[in-house]
Protein backbone atom coordinates (compact mmCIF):
# COMPACT_ATOMS: atom_id res chain seq x y z
CA MET A 1 0.00 0.00 0.00
CA TYR A 2 2.80 2.39 0.85
CA ALA A 3 4.56 1.72 -2.45
CA THR A 4 1.36 2.30 -4.45
CA ASN A 5 0.50 5.47 -2.55
CA ILE A 6 3.96 6.99 -2.78
CA CYS A 7 4.48 6.14 -6.45
CA GLY A 8 0.95 7.27 -7.34
CA PHE A 9 1.37 10.62 -5.59
CA THR A 10 4.81 11.19 -7.12
CA LEU A 11 3.52 10.24 -10.58
CA ARG A 12 0.69 12.76 -10.31
CA PHE A 13 3.20 15.46 -9.42
CA ALA A 14 5.61 14.43 -12.21
CA MET A 15 2.89 14.34 -14.86
CA TRP A 16 1.50 17.70 -13.76
CA ASN A 17 5.00 19.18 -13.83
CA LYS A 18 5.68 17.85 -17.35
CA ARG A 19 2.17 18.13 -18.75
CA LEU A 20 3.19 20.60 -21.47
CA GLU A 21 6.15 18.47 -22.58
CA ILE A 22 4.01 15.34 -22.66
CA SER A 23 1.28 17.05 -24.68
CA SER A 24 3.76 18.55 -27.16
CA SER A 25 5.74 15.32 -27.66
CA LEU A 26 2.61 13.21 -28.12
CA SER A 27 1.28 15.71 -30.66
CA GLN A 28 4.51 15.46 -32.67
CA LEU A 29 4.44 11.67 -32.41
CA CYS A 30 0.86 11.44 -33.68
CA LYS A 31 1.64 13.72 -36.64
CA ILE A 32 4.71 11.79 -37.77
CA SER A 33 3.01 8.44 -37.14
CA TYR A 34 0.06 9.44 -39.29
CA ALA A 35 2.37 10.77 -42.02
CA LEU A 36 4.46 7.58 -42.24
CA ASN A 37 1.69 5.04 -41.73
CA PRO A 38 -1.79 6.61 -42.00
CA ARG A 39 -3.65 3.28 -42.05
CA SER A 40 -2.11 1.88 -38.89
CA ALA A 41 -3.36 2.39 -35.34
CA ILE A 42 -1.26 4.72 -33.19
CA GLY A 43 -0.10 3.09 -29.98
CA ASN A 44 -1.08 -0.28 -28.59
CA LYS A 45 -3.54 -2.27 -30.71
CA ASN A 46 -4.43 -4.46 -27.72
CA ILE A 47 -5.46 -1.56 -25.50
CA ASN A 48 -8.82 -3.19 -24.70
CA TYR A 49 -7.09 -6.22 -23.17
CA TYR A 50 -4.86 -3.92 -21.14
CA LEU A 51 -7.89 -2.01 -19.86
CA ALA A 52 -9.65 -5.25 -18.92
CA PHE A 53 -6.57 -6.44 -17.05
CA PHE A 54 -6.33 -3.05 -15.34
CA PHE A 55 -9.94 -3.20 -14.09
CA VAL A 56 -9.53 -6.79 -12.88
CA ASN A 57 -6.41 -5.71 -11.02
CA VAL A 58 -8.27 -2.84 -9.34
CA ILE A 59 -11.13 -5.13 -8.30
CA ALA A 60 -8.68 -7.71 -6.89
CA TYR A 61 -6.88 -5.06 -4.84
CA CYS A 62 -10.15 -3.61 -3.59
CA TYR A 63 -11.56 -7.01 -2.60
CA ALA A 64 -8.37 -8.04 -0.78
CA MET A 65 -8.20 -4.80 1.21
CA VAL A 66 -11.91 -4.87 2.10
CA TYR A 67 -11.55 -8.47 3.29
CA VAL A 68 -8.47 -7.73 5.41
CA PHE A 69 -9.74 -4.42 6.82
CA PHE A 70 -13.36 -5.24 7.59
CA ILE A 71 -13.46 -9.04 8.03
CA GLN A 72 -10.14 -10.67 8.86
CA GLU A 73 -8.50 -7.91 10.95
CA TRP A 74 -11.53 -5.80 11.89
CA GLU A 75 -11.44 -6.58 15.61
CA HIS A 76 -7.73 -5.92 15.70
CA TYR A 77 -8.07 -2.52 14.01
CA LYS A 78 -11.07 -1.56 16.10
CA ASN A 79 -9.30 -2.29 19.37
CA CYS A 80 -5.73 -1.33 18.57
CA LEU A 81 -6.08 1.71 16.29
CA LYS A 82 -5.45 4.61 18.64
CA LEU A 83 -7.17 7.90 17.87
CA PRO A 84 -6.64 11.31 19.52
CA ILE A 85 -8.84 11.61 22.62
CA PHE A 86 -9.82 15.18 21.82
CA ALA A 87 -11.00 14.22 18.33
CA VAL A 88 -13.35 11.33 19.11
CA THR A 89 -15.37 9.88 21.93
CA PHE A 90 -15.93 6.24 22.79
CA GLU A 91 -19.31 6.20 21.04
CA ASN A 92 -18.04 7.21 17.61
CA ASN A 93 -14.65 5.49 17.80
CA GLU A 94 -15.80 2.63 15.53
CA THR A 95 -17.15 5.08 12.98
CA CYS A 96 -13.83 6.90 12.89
CA VAL A 97 -11.97 3.62 12.38
CA ILE A 98 -14.25 2.79 9.45
CA PHE A 99 -13.68 6.26 8.01
CA ILE A 100 -9.89 5.91 8.29
CA LEU A 101 -9.88 2.47 6.65
CA ILE A 102 -12.11 3.68 3.81
CA CYS A 103 -9.82 6.67 3.25
CA THR A 104 -6.85 4.29 3.16
CA LEU A 105 -8.61 2.08 0.62
CA LEU A 106 -9.52 5.05 -1.59
CA SER A 107 -5.99 6.40 -1.35
CA VAL A 108 -4.51 3.10 -2.52
CA MET A 109 -7.07 2.86 -5.33
CA SER A 110 -6.25 6.40 -6.44
CA GLY A 111 -2.51 5.72 -6.44
CA GLY A 112 -2.95 2.41 -8.26
CA SER A 113 -5.21 4.01 -10.89
CA THR A 114 -2.63 6.74 -11.49
CA CYS A 115 0.12 4.13 -11.92
CA GLY A 116 -2.08 2.11 -14.28
CA ALA A 117 -2.98 5.13 -16.43
CA THR A 118 0.66 6.16 -16.62
CA LEU A 119 1.64 2.63 -17.60
CA LEU A 120 -0.87 2.67 -20.47
CA LEU A 121 0.49 6.06 -21.58
CA CYS A 122 4.15 4.93 -21.55
CA ASP A 123 3.40 1.57 -23.17
CA GLY A 124 1.29 3.06 -25.96
CA THR A 125 3.81 5.84 -26.63
CA TYR A 126 6.77 3.46 -26.81
CA ARG A 127 4.88 1.16 -29.16
CA ALA A 128 4.00 4.12 -31.37
CA LEU A 129 7.67 5.14 -31.49
CA SER A 130 8.82 1.66 -32.50
CA ASN A 131 6.11 1.53 -35.19
CA VAL A 132 7.26 4.90 -36.56
CA ILE A 133 10.88 3.75 -36.74
CA ARG A 134 9.83 0.47 -38.38
CA SER A 135 7.69 2.24 -41.00
CA TYR A 136 10.49 4.67 -41.78
CA ARG A 137 12.95 1.79 -42.14
CA VAL A 138 10.72 -0.03 -44.64
CA VAL A 139 10.18 3.09 -46.74
CA LEU A 140 13.88 4.00 -46.63
CA THR A 141 14.97 0.51 -47.69
CA LYS A 142 12.71 0.60 -50.75
CA LYS A 143 13.93 4.05 -51.76
CA LEU A 144 17.61 3.18 -51.37
CA LYS A 145 17.19 0.07 -53.52
CA PHE A 146 14.90 1.33 -56.28
CA HIS A 147 15.24 5.14 -56.54
CA HIS A 148 17.95 7.62 -57.50
CA LEU A 149 19.66 9.41 -54.63
CA SER A 150 18.92 12.89 -55.89
CA ALA A 151 15.17 12.20 -55.75
CA PHE A 152 14.92 11.58 -52.01
CA ILE A 153 18.17 11.80 -50.03
CA HIS A 154 17.71 15.33 -48.65
CA THR A 155 14.11 14.58 -47.69
CA GLU A 156 15.19 11.44 -45.84
CA ILE A 157 17.87 13.36 -43.92
CA LYS A 158 15.19 15.76 -42.73
CA ALA A 159 12.82 12.91 -41.86
CA LEU A 160 15.53 11.09 -39.88
CA LYS A 161 16.31 14.22 -37.87
CA THR A 162 12.59 14.67 -37.16
CA ILE A 163 12.30 11.08 -35.84
CA VAL A 164 15.36 11.55 -33.62
CA SER A 165 13.95 14.78 -32.20
CA VAL A 166 10.57 13.13 -31.50
CA VAL A 167 12.21 10.18 -29.70
CA GLU A 168 14.30 12.55 -27.58
CA ALA A 169 11.26 14.72 -26.79
CA VAL A 170 9.20 11.70 -25.72
CA ASP A 171 12.04 10.41 -23.56
CA ARG A 172 12.43 13.79 -21.83
CA ALA A 173 8.70 13.92 -21.17
CA LEU A 174 8.17 10.35 -19.93
CA ASN A 175 11.50 9.16 -18.50
CA MET A 176 10.59 10.09 -14.93
CA CYS A 177 7.20 8.38 -15.27
CA ALA A 178 8.93 5.23 -16.53
CA LEU A 179 11.40 5.34 -13.62
CA LEU A 180 8.60 5.58 -11.06
CA GLN A 181 6.79 2.71 -12.77
CA TYR A 182 9.86 0.53 -12.36
CA CYS A 183 10.15 1.61 -8.72
CA MET A 184 6.57 0.52 -8.07
CA PHE A 185 6.84 -2.83 -9.90
CA THR A 186 10.13 -3.64 -8.18
CA SER A 187 8.70 -2.75 -4.78
CA LEU A 188 5.63 -4.93 -5.34
CA ILE A 189 7.76 -7.89 -6.43
CA PHE A 190 10.15 -7.63 -3.49
CA ILE A 191 7.32 -7.07 -1.00
CA THR A 192 5.58 -10.19 -2.29
CA ILE A 193 8.74 -12.24 -1.78
CA SER A 194 9.07 -10.88 1.76
CA ALA A 195 5.44 -11.73 2.54
CA ALA A 196 5.84 -15.22 1.10
CA ILE A 197 8.83 -16.00 3.31
CA THR A 198 7.50 -14.51 6.56
CA ASN A 199 5.65 -16.56 9.19
CA ASP A 200 3.12 -13.87 10.07
CA LYS A 201 -0.32 -15.46 10.58
CA ILE A 202 -2.10 -12.48 9.00
CA LEU A 203 -0.48 -13.36 5.67
CA ARG A 204 -1.38 -17.06 5.82
CA THR A 205 -5.11 -16.92 5.02
CA ASN A 206 -6.36 -18.14 1.64
CA VAL A 207 -7.54 -14.70 0.51
CA VAL A 208 -4.24 -13.02 1.36
CA ILE A 209 -2.21 -15.82 -0.24
CA GLY A 210 -4.30 -15.55 -3.41
CA PHE A 211 -3.86 -11.79 -3.41
CA LEU A 212 -0.09 -12.12 -3.00
CA VAL A 213 0.11 -14.54 -5.90
CA TRP A 214 -2.00 -12.24 -8.07
CA ASN A 215 0.09 -9.24 -7.01
CA PHE A 216 3.33 -11.02 -7.94
CA VAL A 217 2.05 -12.22 -11.32
CA SER A 218 0.52 -8.86 -12.27
CA ALA A 219 3.69 -6.97 -11.26
CA LEU A 220 5.80 -9.32 -13.38
CA LEU A 221 3.46 -8.97 -16.37
CA LEU A 222 3.43 -5.18 -16.14
CA PHE A 223 7.21 -5.11 -15.74
CA TYR A 224 7.51 -7.34 -18.81
CA GLY A 225 5.09 -5.21 -20.84
CA ILE A 226 6.74 -1.81 -20.32
CA THR A 227 10.23 -3.32 -20.73
CA MET A 228 9.39 -4.98 -24.03
CA SER A 229 7.67 -1.89 -25.47
CA GLY A 230 10.61 0.28 -24.41
CA SER A 231 13.25 -2.13 -25.68
CA ASN A 232 11.55 -2.30 -29.09
CA VAL A 233 12.43 1.38 -29.62
CA HIS A 234 16.14 0.68 -29.17
CA GLU A 235 16.02 -2.54 -31.22
CA GLU A 236 14.22 -0.89 -34.13
CA GLY A 237 16.78 1.92 -34.05
CA GLU A 238 19.65 -0.57 -34.26
CA ILE A 239 17.96 -2.43 -37.13
CA LEU A 240 17.42 0.87 -38.94
CA LYS A 241 21.08 1.75 -38.55
CA LYS A 242 22.27 -1.67 -39.76
CA ILE A 243 19.96 -1.95 -42.78
CA GLY A 244 20.44 1.71 -43.70
CA LEU A 245 24.21 1.33 -43.80
CA GLU A 246 23.98 -1.89 -45.85
CA CYS A 247 21.57 -0.41 -48.38
CA SER A 248 23.63 2.78 -48.62
CA GLY A 249 26.71 0.71 -49.48
CA GLU A 250 24.79 -1.03 -52.27
CA THR A 251 23.49 2.32 -53.49
CA CYS A 252 27.03 3.74 -53.71
CA PHE A 253 28.11 0.75 -55.80
CA LEU A 254 25.13 0.92 -58.18
CA ASN A 255 25.06 4.71 -58.59
CA GLU A 256 28.70 5.60 -59.10
CA LYS A 257 27.86 8.46 -61.48
CA ASP A 258 25.19 10.00 -59.24
CA LYS A 259 26.09 13.52 -58.07
CA SER A 260 24.19 13.26 -54.77
CA PHE A 261 26.93 11.50 -52.83
CA LEU A 262 27.46 14.52 -50.59
CA GLY A 263 23.88 14.19 -49.37
CA LEU A 264 24.39 10.45 -48.96
CA PHE A 265 27.51 10.98 -46.84
CA LEU A 266 25.60 13.44 -44.66
CA PHE A 267 22.85 10.87 -44.28
CA LEU A 268 25.35 8.13 -43.42
CA GLY A 269 26.92 10.39 -40.80
CA ASN A 270 23.53 10.93 -39.14
CA LEU A 271 22.75 7.24 -39.40
CA LYS A 272 26.08 6.18 -37.91
CA ASP A 273 25.55 8.36 -34.83
CA LEU A 274 21.96 7.19 -34.43
CA ASN A 275 21.04 6.24 -30.85
CA LEU A 276 17.29 5.85 -30.56
CA ARG A 277 16.30 4.71 -27.07
CA VAL A 278 14.07 5.52 -24.15
CA THR A 279 15.28 5.62 -20.56
CA GLY A 280 14.07 5.38 -17.01
CA GLY A 281 14.71 8.78 -15.45
CA ASP A 282 17.70 9.21 -17.81
CA MET A 283 19.48 6.72 -15.52
CA PHE A 284 19.29 3.50 -17.56
CA VAL A 285 18.20 2.45 -21.03
CA ILE A 286 15.00 0.42 -21.13
CA GLY A 287 16.05 -2.86 -22.70
CA LYS A 288 15.89 -6.61 -22.31
CA SER A 289 18.99 -6.57 -20.11
CA LEU A 290 16.69 -5.38 -17.31
CA PHE A 291 15.22 -8.90 -17.14
CA LEU A 292 18.62 -10.33 -16.22
CA SER A 293 19.24 -7.58 -13.66
CA MET A 294 15.84 -8.15 -12.06
CA THR A 295 16.34 -11.94 -11.95
CA ASN A 296 19.71 -11.56 -10.24
CA SER A 297 18.25 -9.13 -7.71
CA LEU A 298 15.30 -11.40 -6.94
CA LEU A 299 17.48 -14.46 -6.41
CA THR A 300 19.90 -12.55 -4.19
CA TYR A 301 17.10 -10.99 -2.15
CA GLY A 302 15.29 -14.30 -1.69
CA VAL A 303 18.43 -16.15 -0.62
CA ILE A 304 19.36 -13.43 1.89
CA LEU A 305 15.88 -13.41 3.45
CA TYR A 306 15.80 -17.20 3.64
CA GLN A 307 19.21 -17.39 5.30
CA LEU A 308 18.30 -14.64 7.79
CA ASN A 309 15.03 -16.45 8.56
């Protein structure tokens, strides 16, 4: 609950602080996406499945907290939750406890909803970026193989610079949101491992065990989803660089008498320095290597907790 509340509150602040950057970068992304591939959907095509999973997750969290607060641990909270004497009397003490627990539940739901909405935003944006880079790569490959350099090279240089600027703008706008998402997922995964190893009787009921399993699985799936969508941006950029350099070499060989080699060399220079990627807080590149890092951390954490009993 603490992890969800803290990350949700911080995400609301971060998104409000960068609202203009997010709006501007998404507007640029939509324009270039529509220009390169007007018949394709922008973002995640499976958004309905993500929304269904999101609502199921919210219902599971709500049910688990209601069960723990008002059924399993109700007597404990009612007797042990100390309230200021000047604020309540004995007669309305139970009402105040109910009010506090409901506020806690709503706070967690609000933080979780913020995290879920931000996840959908980051995932859809990263998928749109990878689709833009892929569409540009396909068009560029065809032009390099079947058209004269003078007919398109300067236009492609401008298009490549536009894509790079859009990727950088999106990363500046969403990198802090992505970092906080990883903080929340990591916290949920580690907390679940801690709860699974502990001998606390509160965490040994069927409902709580089921909730912990669901929490662990959902955190892993969400971690996998945002990591894959972010890593696709970097992978598509590397494929673009590789294929672009190969096709440019073939173009130089087949068009020896073409006078547009200066433009081609400028294009190759931009392509060689290409580094399309999205980051988490500008601290690490979102890529598949995060899976290995997370696995190592989980194994180390689990072994340490088990040895310390």
